[in-house]
Amino acid sequence: MPFRALLATAASAVALAFVLVTAAPASAHDVLASTAPAADATVGGDLDQVALTFSEPPLAGLESGIVVSVTGPDGAEVGAGSVDVDGSTLRTAADLTAAGSYTVTWRSVSVDGHPISGSYRFTSTGAPTPTPTPAPTATGPTQTPSAGTPTPSATAGAGATSATAGSSGPGATPWILGGIAVVVAAALVAVLLVARRRTTPDDE
């Protein structure tokens, strides 16, 4: 094989090796797989944390280089500052009760030792409106009849007693006495008639 052909083959091999060597570290970089809230999403203000999930867990031992910052609509930091590493997911508490746009800025360490970073935005609708508590319904005290107040049944009974007493009162006495006198007179007449009949045969 000519010398030039060998030189060209060697040069191609070196170039291919260089590409493979330089591509390997680049392909080993972790990537941000998903976020909660998602980028450009709108969430409620009752959400209390931000979570970022990567393709691989961050490099162990370099947790101090991991940062997740959350800033509110006014640009002030609303995140807790501390980051909880759970496998390939990074979480931090955040106050999202103010309505408006929030920015998440993050930095982590890839498994190949290289730092990676990025940012995204989402919107919060603000703290939920509390449901008003219904006012208690006023109820008046239950009235119970007192000892001095007659109940309807007692009043009706008293009326009936009064009516009975009125029917046998002084106004009915003359009629009763007259009836007795009539009975006595009739008895006397009957006695006299019987006595007369008994004495009549003796006289004859």
N, C-alpha and C. Protein backbone atom coordinates (compact mmCIF):
# COMPACT_ATOMS: atom_id res chain seq x y z
N MET A 1 0.87 -1.20 0.00
CA MET A 1 0.00 0.00 0.00
C MET A 1 0.90 1.23 0.00
N PRO A 2 0.57 2.17 -0.86
CA PRO A 2 1.40 3.37 -0.93
C PRO A 2 1.41 4.10 0.39
N PHE A 3 2.48 4.85 0.61
CA PHE A 3 2.64 5.59 1.85
C PHE A 3 1.55 6.62 2.05
N ARG A 4 1.16 7.26 0.98
CA ARG A 4 0.12 8.29 1.08
C ARG A 4 -1.22 7.70 1.51
N ALA A 5 -1.53 6.51 1.02
CA ALA A 5 -2.78 5.86 1.40
C ALA A 5 -2.77 5.51 2.88
N LEU A 6 -1.63 5.03 3.37
CA LEU A 6 -1.54 4.71 4.78
C LEU A 6 -1.67 5.96 5.64
N LEU A 7 -1.07 7.04 5.17
CA LEU A 7 -1.16 8.29 5.92
C LEU A 7 -2.59 8.81 5.98
N ALA A 8 -3.30 8.69 4.88
CA ALA A 8 -4.70 9.14 4.86
C ALA A 8 -5.56 8.29 5.77
N THR A 9 -5.34 6.97 5.77
CA THR A 9 -6.11 6.08 6.64
C THR A 9 -5.85 6.39 8.11
N ALA A 10 -4.59 6.62 8.46
CA ALA A 10 -4.24 6.95 9.83
C ALA A 10 -4.86 8.27 10.26
N ALA A 11 -4.85 9.23 9.35
CA ALA A 11 -5.43 10.54 9.67
C ALA A 11 -6.93 10.41 9.92
N SER A 12 -7.61 9.59 9.13
CA SER A 12 -9.05 9.37 9.31
C SER A 12 -9.33 8.69 10.63
N ALA A 13 -8.50 7.73 11.00
CA ALA A 13 -8.69 7.04 12.27
C ALA A 13 -8.51 7.98 13.45
N VAL A 14 -7.49 8.84 13.37
CA VAL A 14 -7.26 9.81 14.45
C VAL A 14 -8.43 10.79 14.57
N ALA A 15 -8.92 11.24 13.43
CA ALA A 15 -10.05 12.18 13.45
C ALA A 15 -11.30 11.52 14.05
N LEU A 16 -11.55 10.26 13.68
CA LEU A 16 -12.71 9.55 14.23
C LEU A 16 -12.57 9.36 15.73
N ALA A 17 -11.37 9.02 16.16
CA ALA A 17 -11.14 8.84 17.59
C ALA A 17 -11.34 10.14 18.34
N PHE A 18 -10.87 11.23 17.75
CA PHE A 18 -11.05 12.54 18.38
C PHE A 18 -12.52 12.89 18.53
N VAL A 19 -13.30 12.61 17.49
CA VAL A 19 -14.75 12.88 17.55
C VAL A 19 -15.40 12.05 18.63
N LEU A 20 -15.04 10.77 18.71
CA LEU A 20 -15.65 9.90 19.72
C LEU A 20 -15.27 10.33 21.12
N VAL A 21 -14.02 10.71 21.31
CA VAL A 21 -13.57 11.13 22.64
C VAL A 21 -14.25 12.40 23.09
N THR A 22 -14.36 13.36 22.17
CA THR A 22 -15.00 14.64 22.54
C THR A 22 -16.51 14.51 22.66
N ALA A 23 -17.10 13.58 21.94
CA ALA A 23 -18.56 13.42 22.00
C ALA A 23 -18.99 12.70 23.26
N ALA A 24 -18.16 11.82 23.81
CA ALA A 24 -18.54 11.04 24.98
C ALA A 24 -18.86 11.91 26.19
N PRO A 25 -17.99 12.86 26.57
CA PRO A 25 -18.34 13.70 27.71
C PRO A 25 -19.58 14.54 27.46
N ALA A 26 -19.74 15.00 26.21
CA ALA A 26 -20.90 15.84 25.92
C ALA A 26 -22.18 15.05 26.09
N SER A 27 -22.18 13.78 25.63
CA SER A 27 -23.39 12.98 25.75
C SER A 27 -23.67 12.56 27.18
N ALA A 28 -22.65 12.65 28.05
CA ALA A 28 -22.82 12.26 29.44
C ALA A 28 -23.45 13.36 30.27
N HIS A 29 -23.60 14.56 29.75
CA HIS A 29 -24.23 15.66 30.50
C HIS A 29 -25.69 15.33 30.80
N ASP A 30 -26.11 15.59 32.06
CA ASP A 30 -27.52 15.42 32.42
C ASP A 30 -28.36 16.51 31.75
N VAL A 31 -29.64 16.20 31.55
CA VAL A 31 -30.57 17.17 30.99
C VAL A 31 -31.79 17.27 31.89
N LEU A 32 -32.42 18.43 31.89
CA LEU A 32 -33.64 18.63 32.66
C LEU A 32 -34.79 17.94 31.93
N ALA A 33 -35.38 16.91 32.56
CA ALA A 33 -36.42 16.11 31.93
C ALA A 33 -37.82 16.70 32.13
N SER A 34 -38.13 17.19 33.32
CA SER A 34 -39.46 17.74 33.58
C SER A 34 -39.40 18.65 34.80
N THR A 35 -40.42 19.51 34.91
CA THR A 35 -40.52 20.42 36.05
C THR A 35 -41.96 20.48 36.54
N ALA A 36 -42.11 20.81 37.81
CA ALA A 36 -43.44 21.02 38.38
C ALA A 36 -43.36 22.24 39.30
N PRO A 37 -44.00 23.35 38.91
CA PRO A 37 -44.84 23.55 37.73
C PRO A 37 -44.04 23.49 36.42
N ALA A 38 -44.76 23.17 35.35
CA ALA A 38 -44.10 23.12 34.05
C ALA A 38 -43.82 24.53 33.54
N ALA A 39 -42.90 24.64 32.63
CA ALA A 39 -42.57 25.94 32.04
C ALA A 39 -43.79 26.53 31.35
N ASP A 40 -44.03 27.82 31.61
CA ASP A 40 -45.13 28.59 31.02
C ASP A 40 -46.51 28.10 31.48
N ALA A 41 -46.57 27.29 32.53
CA ALA A 41 -47.85 26.80 33.04
C ALA A 41 -48.45 27.82 34.00
N THR A 42 -49.75 27.68 34.27
CA THR A 42 -50.45 28.52 35.25
C THR A 42 -50.96 27.61 36.36
N VAL A 43 -50.59 27.94 37.60
CA VAL A 43 -50.94 27.10 38.75
C VAL A 43 -51.63 27.96 39.81
N GLY A 44 -52.24 27.28 40.79
CA GLY A 44 -52.87 27.97 41.89
C GLY A 44 -51.87 28.33 42.98
N GLY A 45 -52.23 29.35 43.76
CA GLY A 45 -51.33 29.81 44.81
C GLY A 45 -51.21 28.86 45.98
N ASP A 46 -52.04 27.80 46.02
CA ASP A 46 -51.94 26.84 47.11
C ASP A 46 -50.78 25.86 46.91
N LEU A 47 -50.14 25.87 45.73
CA LEU A 47 -48.95 25.05 45.51
C LEU A 47 -47.82 25.58 46.38
N ASP A 48 -47.10 24.69 47.05
CA ASP A 48 -46.09 25.16 48.01
C ASP A 48 -44.68 24.66 47.73
N GLN A 49 -44.40 24.13 46.53
CA GLN A 49 -43.05 23.70 46.23
C GLN A 49 -42.80 23.69 44.73
N VAL A 50 -41.52 23.64 44.38
CA VAL A 50 -41.09 23.54 42.99
C VAL A 50 -40.19 22.31 42.89
N ALA A 51 -40.40 21.50 41.84
CA ALA A 51 -39.63 20.26 41.67
C ALA A 51 -39.04 20.21 40.26
N LEU A 52 -37.78 19.79 40.16
CA LEU A 52 -37.09 19.63 38.88
C LEU A 52 -36.53 18.21 38.80
N THR A 53 -36.87 17.50 37.72
CA THR A 53 -36.40 16.13 37.53
C THR A 53 -35.44 16.08 36.35
N PHE A 54 -34.25 15.47 36.57
CA PHE A 54 -33.21 15.37 35.55
C PHE A 54 -33.13 13.95 35.00
N SER A 55 -32.38 13.82 33.93
CA SER A 55 -32.22 12.50 33.30
C SER A 55 -31.40 11.57 34.17
N GLU A 56 -30.53 12.11 35.02
CA GLU A 56 -29.69 11.32 35.92
C GLU A 56 -29.60 12.05 37.26
N PRO A 57 -29.35 11.30 38.35
CA PRO A 57 -29.13 11.98 39.64
C PRO A 57 -27.88 12.84 39.58
N PRO A 58 -27.83 13.91 40.35
CA PRO A 58 -26.62 14.76 40.35
C PRO A 58 -25.43 14.00 40.92
N LEU A 59 -24.25 14.49 40.63
CA LEU A 59 -23.02 13.84 41.09
C LEU A 59 -22.98 13.86 42.62
N ALA A 60 -22.82 12.68 43.20
CA ALA A 60 -22.82 12.56 44.66
C ALA A 60 -21.62 13.28 45.26
N GLY A 61 -21.84 13.89 46.40
CA GLY A 61 -20.77 14.57 47.11
C GLY A 61 -20.64 16.03 46.76
N LEU A 62 -21.40 16.48 45.75
CA LEU A 62 -21.33 17.89 45.35
C LEU A 62 -22.69 18.58 45.51
N GLU A 63 -23.46 18.13 46.54
CA GLU A 63 -24.78 18.72 46.75
C GLU A 63 -24.71 20.21 47.08
N SER A 64 -23.58 20.65 47.62
CA SER A 64 -23.45 22.08 47.95
C SER A 64 -23.47 22.96 46.71
N GLY A 65 -23.19 22.37 45.55
CA GLY A 65 -23.22 23.16 44.32
C GLY A 65 -24.57 23.18 43.65
N ILE A 66 -25.58 22.54 44.27
CA ILE A 66 -26.94 22.50 43.70
C ILE A 66 -27.73 23.67 44.24
N VAL A 67 -28.36 24.42 43.36
CA VAL A 67 -29.12 25.61 43.74
C VAL A 67 -30.44 25.60 42.97
N VAL A 68 -31.55 25.87 43.68
CA VAL A 68 -32.86 26.10 43.04
C VAL A 68 -33.42 27.38 43.65
N SER A 69 -33.48 28.43 42.86
CA SER A 69 -33.95 29.74 43.33
C SER A 69 -35.28 30.06 42.66
N VAL A 70 -36.24 30.56 43.47
CA VAL A 70 -37.56 30.94 42.96
C VAL A 70 -37.80 32.39 43.33
N THR A 71 -38.02 33.24 42.34
CA THR A 71 -38.29 34.66 42.58
C THR A 71 -39.72 34.98 42.15
N GLY A 72 -40.37 35.86 42.93
CA GLY A 72 -41.77 36.19 42.69
C GLY A 72 -41.94 37.32 41.69
N PRO A 73 -43.20 37.80 41.55
CA PRO A 73 -43.49 38.87 40.58
C PRO A 73 -42.70 40.14 40.82
N ASP A 74 -42.36 40.42 42.09
CA ASP A 74 -41.60 41.64 42.40
C ASP A 74 -40.09 41.42 42.37
N GLY A 75 -39.65 40.21 41.98
CA GLY A 75 -38.22 39.93 41.91
C GLY A 75 -37.62 39.45 43.20
N ALA A 76 -38.40 39.38 44.26
CA ALA A 76 -37.87 38.93 45.56
C ALA A 76 -37.85 37.41 45.62
N GLU A 77 -36.90 36.88 46.37
CA GLU A 77 -36.78 35.44 46.54
C GLU A 77 -37.95 34.90 47.38
N VAL A 78 -38.66 33.89 46.88
CA VAL A 78 -39.78 33.29 47.60
C VAL A 78 -39.52 31.82 47.90
N GLY A 79 -38.36 31.30 47.45
CA GLY A 79 -38.03 29.92 47.73
C GLY A 79 -37.42 29.76 49.11
N ALA A 80 -37.42 28.52 49.60
CA ALA A 80 -36.89 28.26 50.93
C ALA A 80 -35.37 28.33 50.97
N GLY A 81 -34.72 28.15 49.81
CA GLY A 81 -33.26 28.18 49.78
C GLY A 81 -32.65 26.80 49.86
N SER A 82 -33.17 25.96 50.77
CA SER A 82 -32.66 24.60 50.89
C SER A 82 -33.26 23.72 49.80
N VAL A 83 -32.47 22.75 49.31
CA VAL A 83 -32.88 21.87 48.22
C VAL A 83 -32.87 20.43 48.73
N ASP A 84 -33.97 19.73 48.49
CA ASP A 84 -34.07 18.32 48.86
C ASP A 84 -33.78 17.48 47.62
N VAL A 85 -32.74 16.64 47.68
CA VAL A 85 -32.35 15.79 46.55
C VAL A 85 -32.95 14.41 46.77
N ASP A 86 -33.87 14.02 45.87
CA ASP A 86 -34.52 12.71 45.95
C ASP A 86 -34.28 11.97 44.63
N GLY A 87 -33.19 11.22 44.57
CA GLY A 87 -32.83 10.56 43.33
C GLY A 87 -32.42 11.58 42.29
N SER A 88 -33.14 11.62 41.19
CA SER A 88 -32.85 12.60 40.14
C SER A 88 -33.75 13.83 40.22
N THR A 89 -34.51 13.97 41.31
CA THR A 89 -35.44 15.10 41.47
C THR A 89 -34.95 16.04 42.55
N LEU A 90 -34.98 17.33 42.25
CA LEU A 90 -34.62 18.38 43.20
C LEU A 90 -35.89 19.12 43.60
N ARG A 91 -36.11 19.32 44.90
CA ARG A 91 -37.31 20.00 45.38
C ARG A 91 -36.92 21.12 46.34
N THR A 92 -37.70 22.20 46.28
CA THR A 92 -37.53 23.29 47.25
C THR A 92 -38.90 23.90 47.53
N ALA A 93 -39.13 24.26 48.79
CA ALA A 93 -40.40 24.89 49.17
C ALA A 93 -40.42 26.33 48.65
N ALA A 94 -41.64 26.81 48.32
CA ALA A 94 -41.76 28.17 47.78
C ALA A 94 -43.14 28.72 48.12
N ASP A 95 -43.18 30.02 48.36
CA ASP A 95 -44.44 30.72 48.64
C ASP A 95 -44.96 31.31 47.33
N LEU A 96 -46.05 30.72 46.80
CA LEU A 96 -46.58 31.14 45.50
C LEU A 96 -47.94 31.82 45.65
N THR A 97 -48.22 32.40 46.82
CA THR A 97 -49.54 32.97 47.07
C THR A 97 -49.79 34.30 46.37
N ALA A 98 -48.72 34.98 45.94
CA ALA A 98 -48.90 36.24 45.21
C ALA A 98 -49.15 35.94 43.73
N ALA A 99 -50.16 36.59 43.17
CA ALA A 99 -50.47 36.36 41.75
C ALA A 99 -49.42 37.03 40.87
N GLY A 100 -49.05 36.34 39.80
CA GLY A 100 -48.09 36.91 38.87
C GLY A 100 -47.12 35.88 38.32
N SER A 101 -46.05 36.36 37.69
CA SER A 101 -45.07 35.50 37.03
C SER A 101 -43.90 35.18 37.97
N TYR A 102 -43.50 33.91 37.99
CA TYR A 102 -42.39 33.45 38.82
C TYR A 102 -41.27 32.91 37.93
N THR A 103 -40.04 33.08 38.40
CA THR A 103 -38.87 32.60 37.67
C THR A 103 -38.11 31.59 38.52
N VAL A 104 -37.83 30.43 37.93
CA VAL A 104 -37.05 29.39 38.60
C VAL A 104 -35.67 29.35 37.95
N THR A 105 -34.63 29.55 38.74
CA THR A 105 -33.25 29.47 38.27
C THR A 105 -32.56 28.33 39.00
N TRP A 106 -31.94 27.43 38.24
CA TRP A 106 -31.36 26.25 38.88
C TRP A 106 -29.92 26.02 38.41
N ARG A 107 -29.19 25.33 39.28
CA ARG A 107 -27.84 24.91 38.94
C ARG A 107 -27.59 23.56 39.61
N SER A 108 -27.01 22.63 38.88
CA SER A 108 -26.72 21.31 39.41
C SER A 108 -25.36 20.84 38.87
N VAL A 109 -24.96 19.63 39.28
CA VAL A 109 -23.68 19.05 38.84
C VAL A 109 -23.99 17.74 38.12
N SER A 110 -23.63 17.67 36.86
CA SER A 110 -23.89 16.47 36.07
C SER A 110 -23.04 15.31 36.56
N VAL A 111 -23.44 14.09 36.19
CA VAL A 111 -22.70 12.90 36.62
C VAL A 111 -21.27 12.89 36.06
N ASP A 112 -21.02 13.67 34.99
CA ASP A 112 -19.67 13.72 34.44
C ASP A 112 -18.81 14.78 35.13
N GLY A 113 -19.43 15.44 36.18
CA GLY A 113 -18.68 16.43 36.93
C GLY A 113 -18.82 17.84 36.42
N HIS A 114 -19.50 18.04 35.30
CA HIS A 114 -19.66 19.38 34.75
C HIS A 114 -20.91 20.06 35.35
N PRO A 115 -20.80 21.34 35.65
CA PRO A 115 -21.99 22.07 36.13
C PRO A 115 -22.97 22.32 35.00
N ILE A 116 -24.25 22.23 35.31
CA ILE A 116 -25.32 22.54 34.34
C ILE A 116 -26.27 23.51 35.02
N SER A 117 -26.91 24.35 34.24
CA SER A 117 -27.80 25.36 34.81
C SER A 117 -28.85 25.76 33.78
N GLY A 118 -29.84 26.49 34.26
CA GLY A 118 -30.90 26.97 33.37
C GLY A 118 -31.96 27.71 34.17
N SER A 119 -33.02 28.14 33.50
CA SER A 119 -34.12 28.85 34.15
C SER A 119 -35.39 28.73 33.30
N TYR A 120 -36.52 28.95 33.93
CA TYR A 120 -37.81 28.96 33.21
C TYR A 120 -38.82 29.75 34.04
N ARG A 121 -39.98 30.03 33.45
CA ARG A 121 -41.01 30.81 34.11
C ARG A 121 -42.34 30.05 34.16
N PHE A 122 -43.15 30.43 35.14
CA PHE A 122 -44.54 29.97 35.22
C PHE A 122 -45.36 31.05 35.91
N THR A 123 -46.68 30.91 35.92
CA THR A 123 -47.58 31.94 36.47
C THR A 123 -48.43 31.34 37.58
N SER A 124 -48.62 32.12 38.65
CA SER A 124 -49.51 31.71 39.75
C SER A 124 -50.74 32.61 39.75
N THR A 125 -51.89 32.00 39.99
CA THR A 125 -53.15 32.77 40.07
C THR A 125 -53.34 33.42 41.43
N GLY A 126 -52.45 33.15 42.36
CA GLY A 126 -52.55 33.75 43.68
C GLY A 126 -53.27 32.86 44.67
N ALA A 127 -53.29 33.32 45.90
CA ALA A 127 -53.91 32.55 46.97
C ALA A 127 -55.38 32.34 46.68
N PRO A 128 -55.92 31.15 46.96
CA PRO A 128 -57.35 30.90 46.71
C PRO A 128 -58.21 31.76 47.62
N THR A 129 -59.37 32.18 47.09
CA THR A 129 -60.30 33.00 47.88
C THR A 129 -60.96 32.13 48.92
N PRO A 130 -60.88 32.51 50.20
CA PRO A 130 -61.50 31.67 51.24
C PRO A 130 -63.01 31.67 51.11
N THR A 131 -63.60 30.53 51.35
CA THR A 131 -65.06 30.40 51.30
C THR A 131 -65.66 31.05 52.54
N PRO A 132 -66.59 32.02 52.37
CA PRO A 132 -67.17 32.68 53.55
C PRO A 132 -67.97 31.71 54.39
N THR A 133 -67.81 31.85 55.71
CA THR A 133 -68.56 31.01 56.64
C THR A 133 -69.95 31.59 56.82
N PRO A 134 -71.03 30.80 56.61
CA PRO A 134 -72.38 31.34 56.77
C PRO A 134 -72.64 31.78 58.20
N ALA A 135 -73.32 32.92 58.33
CA ALA A 135 -73.64 33.44 59.66
C ALA A 135 -74.64 32.53 60.34
N PRO A 136 -74.49 32.31 61.65
CA PRO A 136 -75.44 31.44 62.36
C PRO A 136 -76.83 32.05 62.37
N THR A 137 -77.84 31.22 62.18
CA THR A 137 -79.24 31.67 62.17
C THR A 137 -79.70 31.91 63.60
N ALA A 138 -80.25 33.14 63.84
CA ALA A 138 -80.72 33.47 65.18
C ALA A 138 -82.04 32.78 65.46
N THR A 139 -82.12 32.08 66.56
CA THR A 139 -83.36 31.41 66.96
C THR A 139 -83.79 31.95 68.31
N GLY A 140 -85.05 32.37 68.40
CA GLY A 140 -85.57 32.92 69.65
C GLY A 140 -85.81 31.83 70.68
N PRO A 141 -85.87 32.20 71.96
CA PRO A 141 -86.11 31.19 73.01
C PRO A 141 -87.49 30.59 72.88
N THR A 142 -87.60 29.30 73.15
CA THR A 142 -88.89 28.61 73.09
C THR A 142 -89.72 29.01 74.30
N GLN A 143 -90.95 29.49 74.04
CA GLN A 143 -91.81 29.94 75.13
C GLN A 143 -92.60 28.76 75.68
N THR A 144 -92.53 28.59 76.97
CA THR A 144 -93.30 27.55 77.64
C THR A 144 -94.32 28.21 78.55
N PRO A 145 -95.52 27.70 78.60
CA PRO A 145 -96.55 28.34 79.45
C PRO A 145 -96.13 28.33 80.91
N SER A 146 -96.25 29.49 81.58
CA SER A 146 -95.91 29.59 82.99
C SER A 146 -97.04 29.03 83.84
N ALA A 147 -96.73 28.88 85.12
CA ALA A 147 -97.73 28.30 86.04
C ALA A 147 -98.95 29.18 86.15
N GLY A 148 -98.80 30.48 86.04
CA GLY A 148 -99.93 31.38 86.20
C GLY A 148 -100.73 31.58 84.93
N THR A 149 -100.25 31.10 83.78
CA THR A 149 -100.96 31.29 82.52
C THR A 149 -101.72 30.01 82.18
N PRO A 150 -103.04 30.07 82.09
CA PRO A 150 -103.82 28.85 81.80
C PRO A 150 -103.59 28.40 80.37
N THR A 151 -103.46 27.11 80.18
CA THR A 151 -103.33 26.55 78.84
C THR A 151 -104.70 26.49 78.19
N PRO A 152 -104.77 26.37 76.85
CA PRO A 152 -106.07 26.30 76.17
C PRO A 152 -106.95 25.18 76.69
N SER A 153 -106.36 24.02 76.98
CA SER A 153 -107.17 22.91 77.45
C SER A 153 -107.74 23.21 78.83
N ALA A 154 -106.89 23.86 79.66
CA ALA A 154 -107.39 24.21 80.99
C ALA A 154 -108.51 25.23 80.90
N THR A 155 -108.36 26.18 79.97
CA THR A 155 -109.41 27.20 79.79
C THR A 155 -110.70 26.57 79.32
N ALA A 156 -110.61 25.61 78.37
CA ALA A 156 -111.82 24.94 77.87
C ALA A 156 -112.50 24.16 78.99
N GLY A 157 -111.69 23.49 79.83
CA GLY A 157 -112.27 22.73 80.94
C GLY A 157 -112.95 23.64 81.92
N ALA A 158 -112.32 24.76 82.17
CA ALA A 158 -112.94 25.71 83.10
C ALA A 158 -114.25 26.23 82.56
N GLY A 159 -114.32 26.47 81.23
CA GLY A 159 -115.56 26.95 80.62
C GLY A 159 -116.66 25.92 80.74
N ALA A 160 -116.30 24.62 80.51
CA ALA A 160 -117.31 23.57 80.61
C ALA A 160 -117.82 23.46 82.03
N THR A 161 -116.94 23.57 83.02
CA THR A 161 -117.36 23.50 84.41
C THR A 161 -118.29 24.66 84.75
N SER A 162 -117.95 25.83 84.22
CA SER A 162 -118.79 27.00 84.49
C SER A 162 -120.17 26.82 83.90
N ALA A 163 -120.26 26.24 82.69
CA ALA A 163 -121.56 26.02 82.05
C ALA A 163 -122.39 25.04 82.85
N THR A 164 -121.76 23.98 83.38
CA THR A 164 -122.50 23.00 84.18
C THR A 164 -123.00 23.61 85.46
N ALA A 165 -122.12 24.40 86.08
CA ALA A 165 -122.54 25.06 87.31
C ALA A 165 -123.67 26.03 87.06
N GLY A 166 -123.69 26.70 85.90
CA GLY A 166 -124.74 27.66 85.60
C GLY A 166 -126.08 26.97 85.40
N SER A 167 -126.07 25.74 84.83
CA SER A 167 -127.34 25.06 84.57
C SER A 167 -127.99 24.58 85.85
N SER A 168 -127.22 24.35 86.93
CA SER A 168 -127.81 23.91 88.19
C SER A 168 -127.73 25.00 89.25
N GLY A 169 -127.69 26.25 88.87
CA GLY A 169 -127.58 27.37 89.80
C GLY A 169 -128.92 27.79 90.35
N PRO A 170 -129.00 28.91 91.00
CA PRO A 170 -130.24 29.41 91.63
C PRO A 170 -131.38 29.59 90.65
N GLY A 171 -131.12 29.84 89.36
CA GLY A 171 -132.21 30.04 88.42
C GLY A 171 -133.06 28.81 88.21
N ALA A 172 -132.54 27.60 88.45
CA ALA A 172 -133.28 26.36 88.24
C ALA A 172 -134.02 25.91 89.50
N THR A 173 -133.77 26.51 90.66
CA THR A 173 -134.38 26.07 91.94
C THR A 173 -135.90 26.16 91.94
N PRO A 174 -136.59 27.26 91.52
CA PRO A 174 -138.08 27.32 91.52
C PRO A 174 -138.72 26.18 90.74
N TRP A 175 -138.16 25.83 89.63
CA TRP A 175 -138.74 24.75 88.83
C TRP A 175 -138.66 23.42 89.57
N ILE A 176 -137.54 23.20 90.24
CA ILE A 176 -137.38 21.95 90.98
C ILE A 176 -138.39 21.87 92.12
N LEU A 177 -138.54 23.01 92.86
CA LEU A 177 -139.50 23.03 93.97
C LEU A 177 -140.94 22.87 93.49
N GLY A 178 -141.23 23.48 92.35
CA GLY A 178 -142.59 23.35 91.81
C GLY A 178 -142.90 21.91 91.44
N GLY A 179 -141.89 21.25 90.82
CA GLY A 179 -142.09 19.84 90.44
C GLY A 179 -142.34 18.97 91.65
N ILE A 180 -141.60 19.25 92.74
CA ILE A 180 -141.79 18.46 93.97
C ILE A 180 -143.19 18.68 94.54
N ALA A 181 -143.66 19.95 94.52
CA ALA A 181 -145.00 20.25 95.05
C ALA A 181 -146.09 19.53 94.26
N VAL A 182 -145.92 19.50 92.93
CA VAL A 182 -146.92 18.81 92.09
C VAL A 182 -146.96 17.33 92.42
N VAL A 183 -145.77 16.74 92.59
CA VAL A 183 -145.74 15.30 92.92
C VAL A 183 -146.41 15.04 94.26
N VAL A 184 -146.14 15.89 95.27
CA VAL A 184 -146.73 15.70 96.59
C VAL A 184 -148.25 15.86 96.54
N ALA A 185 -148.72 16.86 95.79
CA ALA A 185 -150.17 17.08 95.68
C ALA A 185 -150.85 15.91 95.02
N ALA A 186 -150.24 15.39 93.98
CA ALA A 186 -150.83 14.24 93.29
C ALA A 186 -150.88 13.03 94.20
N ALA A 187 -149.84 12.88 95.06
CA ALA A 187 -149.83 11.75 96.00
C ALA A 187 -150.95 11.90 97.03
N LEU A 188 -151.15 13.12 97.52
CA LEU A 188 -152.22 13.34 98.48
C LEU A 188 -153.60 13.07 97.87
N VAL A 189 -153.82 13.50 96.65
CA VAL A 189 -155.10 13.26 95.98
C VAL A 189 -155.36 11.78 95.82
N ALA A 190 -154.29 11.05 95.47
CA ALA A 190 -154.43 9.60 95.29
C ALA A 190 -154.78 8.93 96.60
N VAL A 191 -154.13 9.38 97.69
CA VAL A 191 -154.41 8.78 99.01
C VAL A 191 -155.85 9.05 99.41
N LEU A 192 -156.35 10.27 99.21
CA LEU A 192 -157.73 10.62 99.56
C LEU A 192 -158.73 9.80 98.77
N LEU A 193 -158.47 9.59 97.48
CA LEU A 193 -159.40 8.80 96.66
C LEU A 193 -159.46 7.36 97.12
N VAL A 194 -158.30 6.81 97.47
CA VAL A 194 -158.28 5.42 97.94
C VAL A 194 -159.03 5.30 99.26
N ALA A 195 -158.82 6.28 100.15
CA ALA A 195 -159.49 6.23 101.46
C ALA A 195 -161.00 6.36 101.30
N ARG A 196 -161.44 7.18 100.39
CA ARG A 196 -162.89 7.37 100.19
C ARG A 196 -163.53 6.12 99.66
N ARG A 197 -162.86 5.42 98.75
CA ARG A 197 -163.43 4.19 98.20
C ARG A 197 -163.56 3.11 99.28
N ARG A 198 -162.59 3.11 100.20
CA ARG A 198 -162.67 2.09 101.24
C ARG A 198 -163.81 2.35 102.24
N THR A 199 -164.11 3.65 102.50
CA THR A 199 -165.16 3.98 103.49
C THR A 199 -166.55 3.95 102.90
N THR A 200 -166.73 3.99 101.59
CA THR A 200 -168.05 4.05 100.98
C THR A 200 -168.85 2.79 101.21
N PRO A 201 -168.41 1.58 101.12
CA PRO A 201 -169.22 0.36 101.34
C PRO A 201 -169.69 0.25 102.77
N ASP A 202 -168.99 0.65 103.74
CA ASP A 202 -169.40 0.57 105.12
C ASP A 202 -170.63 1.44 105.40
N ASP A 203 -170.67 2.64 104.77
CA ASP A 203 -171.78 3.55 104.96
C ASP A 203 -173.07 2.99 104.39
N GLU A 204 -173.04 2.22 103.33
CA GLU A 204 -174.22 1.67 102.72
C GLU A 204 -174.71 0.49 103.51
